[in-house]
Amino acid sequence: MGTDDGSTGAGTADSGTGPADAGADDTDDDVWTALVDETLRFSSPVRHALMRYAVEDVDIAGVRVARGEPVLAGLYAAGRDPGRHTDPDVFDPARPTRRDHLAFGHGAHYCLGARLARLEARIALKALFTRYPDLEAAGTPERLASISVQGVRALPVRLNAGRPRS
């Protein structure tokens, strides 16, 4: 599973029924961009940065890390920081801090494919929810079990949930 399909699956699982669920204009590309950004904040497809080793003794948030000790940064935790995000465990595409995450890394290690991944996720989610506006979850998402990436392995849905059956 890559980060783009992880984002698309998570966006489908986390958003409920898409932007229309919140009364948003789902023909506006900004609405879909906001949905992708909030998905990346809420369910970052990359869980951890590569393991690093402290080159000197350092204190991080009151915890002593000795020279040579391994450090594994939880990138996904940045999107759930209550010091940065109000109600961080609530999925809200209208959140003003939705772009404040590390889903694509930071600085010199920022993902070169970030723009493409955002574009792919926006196109996929818009196509899915436009084609199936009544889509709704039909069960619990089966999350991917991995130390390095997170996403949705399986998501049971009803494509035409709001339409009467003939």
Foldseek 3Di string as FASTA:
>chain_A
DDQLVQLLQQLPQQVFLAPVVVVDDLVDLVSLLLSSLLSCLQFQFWFWDPKDFACAWDADPNDIHHGGDIDIDGQSVQSQDCVQFPPSNHRDSVGPCSNRGQSQHDDPSGHPCVVVSSVSSSVSNSVLCVVQVPKGFPDDFDWDDDPTTIGTPDTHIDRNVPDDDD
